[in-house]
Amino acid sequence: PPPIPFSQLLPTYNTDWSAALSSGRAQIYGLDTHQGRVRGRGDSTNGCTVIAPLIVHEHLKSSGGVSDDAVVAVIDSYAGPHLNTIRTKLGLSPTALIIPSDVHDHLVDLKILSQDLFVAASGGNILDSDHVNNFIAGLNERKGKSAAALFFHAHVVCVVKMNVGGECWYDLIDSLPSSHPGTSTPSGSRIRCKSADVLATCIRWYAANKLTPADKEFCDKSAWDDGMCDFDPRVFQGFVWADK
């Protein structure tokens, strides 16, 4: 059968996510900051490729899960100096985007990220359930805490896994500012998903709503092709680290 047009899939993704929120299986919290809020040496503008793996580090060294205060410290204080160092080393402008591999090499050299704790890299079509489930399987490969940097559409978010009362909960932490109910100032987000299935629903909703009209038209006209994935707006990469 022909593929379902994206225009028909998007309402389904939004409805599924709304149902998860309404049932309490998912919750969205605003953070007290966002990337680029602090200027000067601590400026984290376009710093998501550094922010996400630093949150991974903070999560893995925490006792039960990375705190909001630790996330804020990463965004407002820790990320900026690393961004300055990497951009200077690569000859980039002060707010240039940096590819994840350059950041990971830098953080491994400083022993902030450990190769011993690296679990897997995965990727593919973020709207394909099998590809997303493969990414989530990497988060679940080890029983303890795990976390990932998830790269999609020129942005990186962090996904952390925690054990809560014998269940696995997941938070998708986004440093970009967005609006939240009850607040007047846009801020970063912490999106809690209380099962792997809800996380998959969240990722589909998050990704689908990031696509531009031109992206959606491309998706309707072009089937996924692994050989052409570098030119496909649906492509994602996930890098997972976990406690041993």
Protein backbone atom coordinates (compact mmCIF):
# COMPACT_ATOMS: atom_id res chain seq x y z
CA PRO A 1 0.00 0.00 0.00
CA PRO A 2 1.14 3.59 -0.57
CA PRO A 3 2.61 5.41 2.46
CA ILE A 4 0.22 7.45 4.61
CA PRO A 5 0.66 11.18 3.85
CA PHE A 6 2.38 13.14 6.60
CA SER A 7 -0.62 15.47 6.80
CA GLN A 8 -2.63 12.48 8.06
CA LEU A 9 0.06 11.21 10.43
CA LEU A 10 0.66 14.50 12.29
CA PRO A 11 -2.82 14.66 13.89
CA THR A 12 -2.34 11.08 15.10
CA TYR A 13 1.02 11.92 16.67
CA ASN A 14 -0.49 14.99 18.37
CA THR A 15 -3.54 13.06 19.59
CA ASP A 16 -1.40 10.23 21.01
CA TRP A 17 0.78 12.74 22.87
CA SER A 18 -2.22 14.67 24.21
CA ALA A 19 -3.64 11.39 25.52
CA ALA A 20 -0.35 10.62 27.31
CA LEU A 21 -0.41 14.04 28.97
CA SER A 22 -4.09 13.81 29.91
CA SER A 23 -3.60 10.40 31.52
CA GLY A 24 -0.63 11.56 33.59
CA ARG A 25 1.71 9.15 31.82
CA ALA A 26 3.63 12.19 30.59
CA GLN A 27 4.30 15.60 32.11
CA ILE A 28 6.04 18.76 30.87
CA TYR A 29 8.01 21.01 33.21
CA GLY A 30 9.64 24.33 32.43
CA LEU A 31 13.28 24.83 33.44
CA ASP A 32 14.53 28.06 35.04
CA THR A 33 16.72 28.87 32.05
CA HIS A 34 17.41 28.14 28.39
CA GLN A 35 20.45 28.13 26.13
CA GLY A 36 21.83 31.60 25.45
CA ARG A 37 20.14 33.28 28.43
CA VAL A 38 23.49 34.09 30.05
CA ARG A 39 25.79 36.26 27.96
CA GLY A 40 29.56 36.62 28.05
CA ARG A 41 31.89 33.66 28.63
CA GLY A 42 29.00 31.54 29.86
CA ASP A 43 26.96 32.09 26.68
CA SER A 44 25.52 28.75 25.55
CA THR A 45 23.83 29.99 22.35
CA ASN A 46 23.72 27.17 19.75
CA GLY A 47 25.43 25.02 22.36
CA CYS A 48 23.06 22.05 22.39
CA THR A 49 25.77 19.65 21.19
CA VAL A 50 27.72 20.44 24.38
CA ILE A 51 24.75 20.88 26.73
CA ALA A 52 23.23 17.44 26.03
CA PRO A 53 26.36 15.32 26.75
CA LEU A 54 27.17 17.43 29.82
CA ILE A 55 23.68 16.60 31.13
CA VAL A 56 24.48 12.94 30.37
CA HIS A 57 27.56 13.29 32.59
CA GLU A 58 25.61 14.99 35.40
CA HIS A 59 22.92 12.31 35.25
CA LEU A 60 25.33 9.38 35.42
CA LYS A 61 27.19 10.81 38.41
CA SER A 62 23.95 11.62 40.30
CA SER A 63 22.46 9.35 42.94
CA GLY A 64 18.95 9.01 41.52
CA GLY A 65 18.79 11.27 38.49
CA VAL A 66 20.00 14.63 37.26
CA SER A 67 18.37 17.50 39.16
CA ASP A 68 16.85 20.63 37.62
CA ASP A 69 19.54 22.67 39.38
CA ALA A 70 22.26 20.59 37.74
CA VAL A 71 20.64 21.06 34.30
CA VAL A 72 20.47 24.83 34.86
CA ALA A 73 24.14 24.88 35.91
CA VAL A 74 25.10 23.04 32.72
CA ILE A 75 23.21 25.50 30.52
CA ASP A 76 24.20 28.70 32.33
CA SER A 77 27.72 27.92 33.58
CA TYR A 78 29.41 24.73 32.40
CA ALA A 79 28.62 24.64 28.68
CA GLY A 80 29.90 28.09 27.70
CA PRO A 81 33.63 27.59 28.44
CA HIS A 82 33.63 24.22 26.63
CA LEU A 83 31.92 25.82 23.64
CA ASN A 84 34.53 28.60 23.55
CA THR A 85 37.38 26.08 23.69
CA ILE A 86 36.00 23.81 20.95
CA ARG A 87 35.06 26.67 18.61
CA THR A 88 38.47 28.31 19.05
CA LYS A 89 40.22 25.01 18.37
CA LEU A 90 38.19 24.46 15.20
CA GLY A 91 38.40 28.08 14.03
CA LEU A 92 34.64 28.62 14.27
CA SER A 93 32.69 31.79 14.99
CA PRO A 94 31.53 32.46 18.60
CA THR A 95 27.99 31.13 18.02
CA ALA A 96 28.68 28.48 15.35
CA LEU A 97 27.03 25.08 15.52
CA ILE A 98 29.38 22.19 16.37
CA ILE A 99 28.96 18.59 15.21
CA PRO A 100 28.47 15.99 17.99
CA SER A 101 31.62 13.96 17.20
CA ASP A 102 33.89 16.97 17.84
CA VAL A 103 32.20 17.56 21.19
CA HIS A 104 32.37 13.91 22.25
CA ASP A 105 36.09 13.75 21.41
CA HIS A 106 36.69 16.89 23.50
CA LEU A 107 34.73 15.58 26.50
CA VAL A 108 36.36 12.14 26.33
CA ASP A 109 39.82 13.76 26.23
CA LEU A 110 38.90 15.66 29.43
CA LYS A 111 37.54 12.42 30.97
CA ILE A 112 34.11 14.04 31.39
CA LEU A 113 32.64 11.31 29.19
CA SER A 114 34.04 7.81 29.58
CA GLN A 115 34.43 5.42 26.68
CA ASP A 116 33.91 2.62 29.21
CA LEU A 117 30.38 3.86 29.82
CA PHE A 118 29.50 4.22 26.14
CA VAL A 119 26.77 1.77 25.13
CA ALA A 120 25.73 2.36 21.54
CA ALA A 121 25.17 4.71 18.65
CA SER A 122 21.99 4.29 16.65
CA GLY A 123 19.95 6.24 14.17
CA GLY A 124 17.73 6.25 11.14
CA ASN A 125 14.25 7.60 10.47
CA ILE A 126 12.86 9.26 13.60
CA LEU A 127 9.30 8.61 12.41
CA ASP A 128 9.98 4.87 12.02
CA SER A 129 8.94 2.95 15.13
CA ASP A 130 11.57 0.26 14.64
CA HIS A 131 14.38 2.83 14.43
CA VAL A 132 13.16 4.72 17.51
CA ASN A 133 12.64 1.51 19.48
CA ASN A 134 16.21 0.49 18.65
CA PHE A 135 17.41 3.77 20.16
CA ILE A 136 15.30 3.19 23.29
CA ALA A 137 16.65 -0.37 23.54
CA GLY A 138 20.11 1.15 23.88
CA LEU A 139 18.88 3.19 26.86
CA ASN A 140 17.51 0.00 28.40
CA GLU A 141 20.51 -2.23 27.66
CA ARG A 142 21.88 -1.83 31.20
CA LYS A 143 19.76 -1.91 34.36
CA GLY A 144 21.10 1.25 36.00
CA LYS A 145 20.91 4.89 34.98
CA SER A 146 21.49 5.71 31.33
CA ALA A 147 21.35 8.82 29.18
CA ALA A 148 21.67 9.82 25.56
CA ALA A 149 22.37 12.75 23.30
CA LEU A 150 19.69 12.69 20.59
CA PHE A 151 20.59 14.65 17.43
CA PHE A 152 17.74 15.63 15.09
CA HIS A 153 17.03 18.55 12.75
CA ALA A 154 20.24 20.46 13.65
CA HIS A 155 19.46 20.28 17.37
CA VAL A 156 20.46 17.98 20.24
CA VAL A 157 18.36 17.07 23.27
CA CYS A 158 19.24 14.82 26.19
CA VAL A 159 17.20 11.76 27.16
CA VAL A 160 17.81 10.34 30.64
CA LYS A 161 16.54 7.09 32.13
CA MET A 162 15.80 6.64 35.84
CA ASN A 163 14.51 3.78 37.93
CA VAL A 164 11.49 4.94 39.94
CA GLY A 165 9.73 2.43 42.16
CA GLY A 166 10.88 -0.46 40.02
CA GLU A 167 9.79 1.22 36.79
CA CYS A 168 11.86 2.96 34.11
CA TRP A 169 11.01 6.63 33.62
CA TYR A 170 12.55 8.83 30.96
CA ASP A 171 13.03 12.60 30.73
CA LEU A 172 13.62 14.41 27.44
CA ILE A 173 15.51 17.60 28.34
CA ASP A 174 15.53 20.39 25.75
CA SER A 175 17.63 23.53 26.24
CA LEU A 176 15.76 25.57 23.61
CA PRO A 177 13.21 28.06 24.98
CA SER A 178 9.52 27.32 24.53
CA SER A 179 6.31 28.49 26.19
CA HIS A 180 4.82 26.62 29.15
CA PRO A 181 1.38 26.93 30.81
CA GLY A 182 1.39 29.28 33.80
CA THR A 183 4.62 31.05 32.85
CA SER A 184 5.15 34.24 30.88
CA THR A 185 8.81 33.67 30.01
CA PRO A 186 9.86 30.95 27.54
CA SER A 187 12.32 28.45 28.98
CA GLY A 188 13.92 25.09 28.40
CA SER A 189 11.83 21.96 28.94
CA ARG A 190 11.94 18.73 30.89
CA ILE A 191 9.43 16.25 29.49
CA ARG A 192 8.76 13.21 31.70
CA CYS A 193 7.66 9.92 30.14
CA LYS A 194 6.64 7.14 32.52
CA SER A 195 7.29 4.22 30.16
CA ALA A 196 9.28 3.34 27.06
CA ASP A 197 6.09 3.42 24.98
CA VAL A 198 5.33 6.96 26.13
CA LEU A 199 8.91 7.99 25.32
CA ALA A 200 8.44 6.67 21.77
CA THR A 201 5.19 8.64 21.50
CA CYS A 202 6.98 11.75 22.79
CA ILE A 203 9.83 11.43 20.30
CA ARG A 204 7.40 11.08 17.37
CA TRP A 205 5.41 14.11 18.54
CA TYR A 206 8.56 16.16 19.18
CA ALA A 207 10.09 15.30 15.79
CA ALA A 208 6.95 15.71 13.71
CA ASN A 209 6.36 19.20 15.08
CA LYS A 210 9.92 20.27 14.28
CA LEU A 211 9.55 19.54 10.58
CA THR A 212 9.01 22.51 8.27
CA PRO A 213 6.37 22.59 5.50
CA ALA A 214 9.14 21.82 2.98
CA ASP A 215 10.25 18.86 5.14
CA LYS A 216 6.71 17.52 5.28
CA GLU A 217 6.36 17.79 1.53
CA PHE A 218 9.63 15.88 1.15
CA CYS A 219 8.37 13.16 3.50
CA ASP A 220 5.19 12.75 1.44
CA LYS A 221 7.13 12.44 -1.81
CA SER A 222 10.16 10.44 -0.69
CA ALA A 223 10.34 7.01 0.93
CA TRP A 224 13.09 6.55 3.50
CA ASP A 225 16.36 5.42 1.89
CA ASP A 226 19.34 4.51 4.14
CA GLY A 227 21.69 5.45 1.30
CA MET A 228 20.27 8.99 1.10
CA CYS A 229 19.70 9.60 4.80
CA ASP A 230 22.13 12.55 5.01
CA PHE A 231 19.69 14.54 2.86
CA ASP A 232 16.50 13.37 4.62
CA PRO A 233 14.93 15.66 7.27
CA ARG A 234 13.79 12.59 9.24
CA VAL A 235 17.33 11.41 10.00
CA PHE A 236 18.44 11.21 13.63
CA GLN A 237 21.41 9.93 15.63
CA GLY A 238 21.45 8.81 19.24
CA PHE A 239 24.52 8.28 21.44
CA VAL A 240 23.92 6.35 24.67
CA TRP A 241 26.00 6.10 27.85
CA ALA A 242 25.07 4.10 30.97
CA ASP A 243 26.23 2.97 34.39
CA LYS A 244 28.00 -0.36 34.30
